[in-house]
């Protein structure tokens, strides 16, 4: 009896006497996708550069945490000829059945953050993503999952069928990727944001050294995965030029860079660009009549 009392006292200090069994752990080394915004801009760009006959669609995925430890929300946005949006709730399973159970929304606008309510979601058990032996990726059974398609509708095409996160990369295979082949997937990278300023002369590229009509735009916020920002005059009107910021890889995959471009809106022509290493915290451009300076807002991966 004394031993039991002592055990309960120790258990109470550690979290309660009602149970001595800790929450089942996920497999050693299992990687759980973290919250953030991910985009496969470079994959789409590379397919265009290489004239790939079956290009990957432009995909943007936002993973949102909830106030429930085991739940995350996945917002999937698909660009292209047939754009679409879908939102899924993934509940993490641990222990022998480690993986994720995707859920579809039962209401038009499900709650997020502190308003997240599991009762607003229905499980798609046949589409459960189970962790593999390495603990690095999760995948579901396409045949079993397809049976649920009629009840889910068109959004089913944007349901993740396989997930793997490695550092800043999020590799996804959607249900729709089956039509592109057995190995088709989207390679998304975590989006980083930059902020900064631009000084642009009112005469544009024809400005002379004597022209003092300078306009400052200090509201620049731009993402590094194909982000665009339209420059403005001091009165708020658009200046006719935009900035582009993107991470690309040149020379057969040997030279990764962060590229800042100045683009003429009317023609879409790139007037000038600057390169930096992908981890750069600052990047800028100076053409005399326009000067740009950007600083990383989010930490480098």
Protein backbone atom coordinates (compact mmCIF):
# COMPACT_ATOMS: atom_id res chain seq x y z
CA UNK A 1 0.00 0.00 0.00
CA UNK A 2 2.77 2.43 0.93
CA UNK A 3 4.49 1.72 -2.36
CA UNK A 4 1.25 2.51 -4.21
CA UNK A 5 0.82 5.82 -2.35
CA UNK A 6 4.40 6.81 -3.12
CA UNK A 7 3.87 5.89 -6.77
CA UNK A 8 0.73 8.03 -6.94
CA UNK A 9 2.51 10.99 -5.36
CA UNK A 10 5.29 10.74 -7.94
CA UNK A 11 2.75 10.33 -10.74
CA UNK A 12 0.84 13.39 -9.54
CA UNK A 13 4.01 15.45 -9.72
CA UNK A 14 4.68 14.20 -13.24
CA UNK A 15 1.15 14.75 -14.49
CA UNK A 16 -1.47 12.66 -12.72
CA UNK A 17 -2.12 9.31 -11.03
CA UNK A 18 -4.98 8.39 -13.33
CA UNK A 19 -2.62 6.81 -15.86
CA UNK A 20 0.98 5.66 -15.92
CA UNK A 21 1.17 5.01 -19.67
CA UNK A 22 2.67 7.89 -21.69
CA UNK A 23 1.11 8.94 -24.98
CA UNK A 24 2.25 6.53 -27.68
CA UNK A 25 5.24 7.91 -29.53
CA UNK A 26 5.57 8.15 -33.29
CA UNK A 27 8.25 5.97 -34.89
CA UNK A 28 11.83 7.07 -34.31
CA UNK A 29 12.85 9.61 -36.94
CA UNK A 30 9.29 10.23 -38.16
CA UNK A 31 9.06 13.69 -39.69
CA UNK A 32 5.80 15.53 -39.13
CA UNK A 33 5.13 18.35 -41.66
CA UNK A 34 5.46 21.72 -39.93
CA UNK A 35 3.26 24.78 -40.32
CA UNK A 36 4.08 27.26 -43.07
CA UNK A 37 3.47 28.21 -46.69
CA UNK A 38 4.98 26.07 -49.46
CA UNK A 39 5.18 26.69 -53.22
CA UNK A 40 6.58 24.71 -56.18
CA UNK A 41 7.42 27.77 -58.31
CA UNK A 42 10.88 26.51 -59.27
CA UNK A 43 9.56 23.10 -60.33
CA UNK A 44 7.07 24.76 -62.68
CA UNK A 45 9.75 27.15 -64.02
CA UNK A 46 12.20 24.29 -64.64
CA UNK A 47 9.57 22.30 -66.54
CA UNK A 48 9.05 25.30 -68.82
CA UNK A 49 12.77 25.77 -69.35
CA UNK A 50 13.19 22.11 -70.24
CA UNK A 51 10.03 22.00 -72.37
CA UNK A 52 8.71 19.11 -70.32
CA UNK A 53 5.75 17.45 -72.10
CA UNK A 54 4.00 16.73 -68.77
CA UNK A 55 4.61 19.70 -66.51
CA UNK A 56 3.70 19.76 -62.84
CA UNK A 57 0.85 22.12 -61.92
CA UNK A 58 1.62 25.24 -59.90
CA UNK A 59 0.71 24.32 -56.34
CA UNK A 60 0.63 26.36 -53.14
CA UNK A 61 0.01 24.69 -49.79
CA UNK A 62 -0.55 26.46 -46.48
CA UNK A 63 -0.28 24.30 -43.35
CA UNK A 64 -2.00 25.90 -40.37
CA UNK A 65 -1.74 24.79 -36.75
CA UNK A 66 -4.85 24.47 -34.57
CA UNK A 67 -5.37 24.57 -30.82
CA UNK A 68 -5.68 20.77 -30.96
CA UNK A 69 -2.23 19.21 -30.76
CA UNK A 70 -2.97 16.36 -33.17
CA UNK A 71 -4.70 18.41 -35.86
CA UNK A 72 -3.46 20.64 -38.70
CA UNK A 73 -5.32 22.34 -41.53
CA UNK A 74 -4.06 22.08 -45.11
CA UNK A 75 -5.15 24.75 -47.59
CA UNK A 76 -4.35 23.64 -51.15
CA UNK A 77 -4.43 26.11 -54.05
CA UNK A 78 -3.96 24.89 -57.62
CA UNK A 79 -3.17 27.26 -60.51
CA UNK A 80 -3.45 26.49 -64.18
CA UNK A 81 -6.09 25.79 -66.79
CA UNK A 82 -8.34 24.27 -64.14
CA UNK A 83 -7.60 26.19 -60.91
CA UNK A 84 -9.06 25.04 -57.64
CA UNK A 85 -8.97 25.30 -53.88
CA UNK A 86 -9.45 22.72 -51.17
CA UNK A 87 -9.04 22.57 -47.42
CA UNK A 88 -8.38 19.41 -45.41
CA UNK A 89 -7.93 18.67 -41.74
CA UNK A 90 -5.29 16.07 -40.93
CA UNK A 91 -5.37 14.24 -37.59
CA UNK A 92 -2.12 12.63 -36.54
CA UNK A 93 -2.18 9.02 -35.39
CA UNK A 94 0.74 7.63 -33.38
CA UNK A 95 1.91 4.24 -32.21
CA UNK A 96 1.33 1.12 -34.30
CA UNK A 97 -0.98 2.98 -36.72
CA UNK A 98 1.20 6.07 -37.08
CA UNK A 99 0.14 8.37 -39.87
CA UNK A 100 -2.46 10.99 -40.76
CA UNK A 101 -6.20 10.64 -41.25
CA UNK A 102 -7.49 13.28 -43.68
CA UNK A 103 -10.89 14.86 -43.00
CA UNK A 104 -13.26 16.79 -45.25
CA UNK A 105 -15.24 19.79 -44.05
CA UNK A 106 -18.92 19.36 -43.20
CA UNK A 107 -19.57 23.12 -43.19
CA UNK A 108 -18.95 25.80 -45.79
CA UNK A 109 -16.54 27.83 -43.65
CA UNK A 110 -14.92 25.63 -40.98
CA UNK A 111 -13.29 27.28 -37.98
CA UNK A 112 -9.54 27.80 -37.85
CA UNK A 113 -7.04 28.50 -35.07
CA UNK A 114 -8.80 28.74 -31.71
CA UNK A 115 -12.15 28.29 -33.48
CA UNK A 116 -11.18 24.92 -34.91
CA UNK A 117 -13.81 22.29 -34.11
CA UNK A 118 -13.23 18.58 -34.96
CA UNK A 119 -17.03 18.14 -35.10
CA UNK A 120 -17.01 20.18 -38.33
CA UNK A 121 -14.97 17.52 -40.08
CA UNK A 122 -15.66 13.98 -41.33
CA UNK A 123 -12.86 11.39 -41.52
CA UNK A 124 -11.76 9.85 -44.80
CA UNK A 125 -10.41 6.67 -43.23
CA UNK A 126 -9.87 4.96 -46.57
CA UNK A 127 -7.39 7.71 -47.45
CA UNK A 128 -5.27 7.39 -44.30
CA UNK A 129 -1.63 8.24 -44.90
CA UNK A 130 0.56 5.71 -43.10
CA UNK A 131 4.18 6.30 -42.21
CA UNK A 132 6.76 4.14 -43.98
CA UNK A 133 9.48 2.13 -42.26
CA UNK A 134 12.01 4.95 -42.59
CA UNK A 135 9.67 7.33 -40.78
CA UNK A 136 10.31 10.02 -43.39
CA UNK A 137 7.22 9.82 -45.58
CA UNK A 138 3.51 9.04 -45.43
CA UNK A 139 1.35 7.51 -48.14
CA UNK A 140 -2.16 6.23 -48.68
CA UNK A 141 -3.77 3.56 -50.81
CA UNK A 142 -5.02 5.16 -54.02
CA UNK A 143 -7.47 2.39 -54.87
CA UNK A 144 -9.18 2.51 -51.48
CA UNK A 145 -9.25 6.30 -51.45
CA UNK A 146 -10.77 6.58 -54.93
CA UNK A 147 -13.93 4.85 -53.70
CA UNK A 148 -14.71 7.98 -51.66
CA UNK A 149 -14.41 10.36 -54.61
CA UNK A 150 -18.12 10.51 -55.52
CA UNK A 151 -19.02 11.69 -52.03
CA UNK A 152 -16.25 14.28 -51.83
CA UNK A 153 -16.52 15.80 -55.30
CA UNK A 154 -14.01 17.68 -57.44
CA UNK A 155 -11.87 18.65 -54.46
CA UNK A 156 -10.81 15.01 -54.19
CA UNK A 157 -8.24 15.71 -56.92
CA UNK A 158 -6.37 17.97 -54.48
CA UNK A 159 -6.22 15.48 -51.61
CA UNK A 160 -2.63 14.52 -50.63
CA UNK A 161 -1.93 10.87 -51.38
CA UNK A 162 1.71 11.00 -50.23
CA UNK A 163 3.61 13.46 -48.02
CA UNK A 164 7.30 13.88 -47.27
CA UNK A 165 8.98 16.87 -45.65
CA UNK A 166 12.74 17.29 -45.66
CA UNK A 167 14.10 20.56 -44.33
CA UNK A 168 12.58 23.39 -46.36
CA UNK A 169 11.10 20.96 -48.89
CA UNK A 170 7.58 19.53 -48.90
CA UNK A 171 7.09 16.75 -51.44
CA UNK A 172 3.47 15.93 -52.25
CA UNK A 173 1.64 13.51 -54.47
CA UNK A 174 -1.99 14.46 -54.99
CA UNK A 175 -4.80 12.19 -56.11
CA UNK A 176 -4.76 13.98 -59.48
CA UNK A 177 -1.07 13.18 -59.98
CA UNK A 178 -1.93 9.57 -60.80
CA UNK A 179 -2.83 10.73 -64.30
CA UNK A 180 0.75 12.01 -64.77
CA UNK A 181 2.44 8.73 -63.92
CA UNK A 182 3.54 6.58 -61.00
CA UNK A 183 6.37 8.91 -59.95
CA UNK A 184 4.62 12.26 -60.45
CA UNK A 185 4.70 14.62 -57.49
CA UNK A 186 5.00 18.29 -56.58
CA UNK A 187 8.22 19.59 -55.00
CA UNK A 188 7.31 22.60 -52.89
CA UNK A 189 9.67 24.82 -50.92
CA UNK A 190 8.94 26.85 -47.80
CA UNK A 191 8.11 30.44 -48.73
CA UNK A 192 10.27 33.21 -47.26
CA UNK A 193 9.20 36.86 -47.19
CA UNK A 194 11.22 40.02 -47.83
CA UNK A 195 10.36 43.65 -47.17
CA UNK A 196 12.04 46.86 -48.29
CA UNK A 197 11.96 50.06 -50.27
CA UNK A 198 12.37 51.44 -53.77
CA UNK A 199 13.33 54.90 -55.00
CA UNK A 200 12.12 55.52 -58.54
CA UNK A 201 12.56 58.63 -60.65
CA UNK A 202 9.42 60.12 -62.15
CA UNK A 203 11.02 60.20 -65.60
CA UNK A 204 11.61 56.47 -65.53
CA UNK A 205 14.43 54.96 -67.54
CA UNK A 206 14.87 58.24 -69.45
CA UNK A 207 15.68 60.21 -66.30
CA UNK A 208 18.78 62.43 -66.41
CA UNK A 209 21.14 63.14 -63.56
CA UNK A 210 19.51 66.56 -63.09
CA UNK A 211 16.02 65.17 -62.56
CA UNK A 212 15.13 65.29 -58.84
CA UNK A 213 11.59 63.92 -59.10
CA UNK A 214 12.15 60.94 -56.80
CA UNK A 215 9.35 58.77 -55.45
CA UNK A 216 9.81 56.48 -52.45
CA UNK A 217 7.87 53.24 -52.03
CA UNK A 218 8.53 51.84 -48.56
CA UNK A 219 5.68 49.31 -48.53
CA UNK A 220 7.35 46.47 -50.40
CA UNK A 221 6.47 42.97 -49.19
CA UNK A 222 7.40 40.16 -51.53
CA UNK A 223 7.85 36.39 -51.32
CA UNK A 224 10.87 34.55 -52.67
CA UNK A 225 9.02 31.78 -54.53
CA UNK A 226 7.85 33.68 -57.60
CA UNK A 227 6.57 36.71 -55.70
CA UNK A 228 5.56 39.90 -57.56
CA UNK A 229 5.17 43.45 -56.27
CA UNK A 230 3.97 46.47 -58.28
CA UNK A 231 5.91 49.65 -57.54
CA UNK A 232 3.97 52.83 -56.72
CA UNK A 233 4.43 56.56 -57.09
CA UNK A 234 4.19 58.80 -54.01
CA UNK A 235 0.46 59.38 -54.62
CA UNK A 236 -0.23 55.62 -54.56
CA UNK A 237 -0.68 55.18 -58.31
CA UNK A 238 1.12 52.25 -59.94
CA UNK A 239 4.43 53.23 -61.53
CA UNK A 240 4.33 50.76 -64.40
CA UNK A 241 7.11 48.57 -63.04
CA UNK A 242 7.10 45.46 -60.86
CA UNK A 243 9.58 43.48 -58.83
CA UNK A 244 9.94 39.72 -59.12
CA UNK A 245 11.70 37.57 -56.53
CA UNK A 246 12.35 33.88 -57.05
CA UNK A 247 14.68 31.03 -56.23
CA UNK A 248 16.00 29.25 -59.31
CA UNK A 249 18.74 26.82 -60.23
CA UNK A 250 20.92 27.33 -63.31
CA UNK A 251 23.69 25.38 -65.09
CA UNK A 252 22.05 21.97 -64.95
CA UNK A 253 21.17 22.25 -61.29
CA UNK A 254 24.58 23.37 -60.06
CA UNK A 255 23.97 27.05 -59.31
CA UNK A 256 21.03 27.84 -57.00
CA UNK A 257 20.31 31.58 -56.74
CA UNK A 258 17.91 34.14 -55.34
CA UNK A 259 16.95 36.36 -58.29
CA UNK A 260 15.53 39.90 -58.01
CA UNK A 261 14.08 41.26 -61.27
CA UNK A 262 12.77 44.64 -62.40
CA UNK A 263 9.90 44.10 -64.86
CA UNK A 264 8.14 46.53 -67.18
CA UNK A 265 4.43 45.94 -66.65
CA UNK A 266 3.28 46.93 -70.14
CA UNK A 267 5.55 44.52 -72.00
CA UNK A 268 6.41 41.97 -69.31
CA UNK A 269 10.07 42.48 -70.22
CA UNK A 270 12.73 42.01 -67.55
CA UNK A 271 14.74 45.25 -67.61
CA UNK A 272 17.41 44.15 -65.16
CA UNK A 273 18.09 41.57 -62.48
CA UNK A 274 20.48 40.79 -59.63
CA UNK A 275 21.54 37.48 -58.14
CA UNK A 276 22.44 36.46 -54.60
CA UNK A 277 22.89 33.15 -52.82
CA UNK A 278 19.57 31.58 -51.71
CA UNK A 279 20.37 32.16 -48.02
CA UNK A 280 20.99 35.89 -48.50
CA UNK A 281 19.38 38.17 -45.93
CA UNK A 282 19.61 41.20 -48.24
CA UNK A 283 19.41 41.82 -51.97
CA UNK A 284 19.18 45.01 -54.03
CA UNK A 285 19.38 46.62 -57.44
CA UNK A 286 20.60 50.05 -58.65
CA UNK A 287 20.04 51.31 -62.19
CA UNK A 288 20.46 54.97 -61.39
CA UNK A 289 16.85 55.91 -62.12
CA UNK A 290 15.57 53.18 -59.81
CA UNK A 291 17.13 51.80 -56.62
CA UNK A 292 15.80 48.86 -54.61
CA UNK A 293 16.74 47.34 -51.27
CA UNK A 294 15.17 44.26 -49.68
CA UNK A 295 15.69 42.53 -46.33
CA UNK A 296 14.57 39.05 -45.33
CA UNK A 297 11.64 39.11 -42.92
CA UNK A 298 11.45 35.40 -42.10
CA UNK A 299 14.59 33.54 -40.97
CA UNK A 300 16.57 31.63 -43.56
CA UNK A 301 15.91 27.85 -43.41
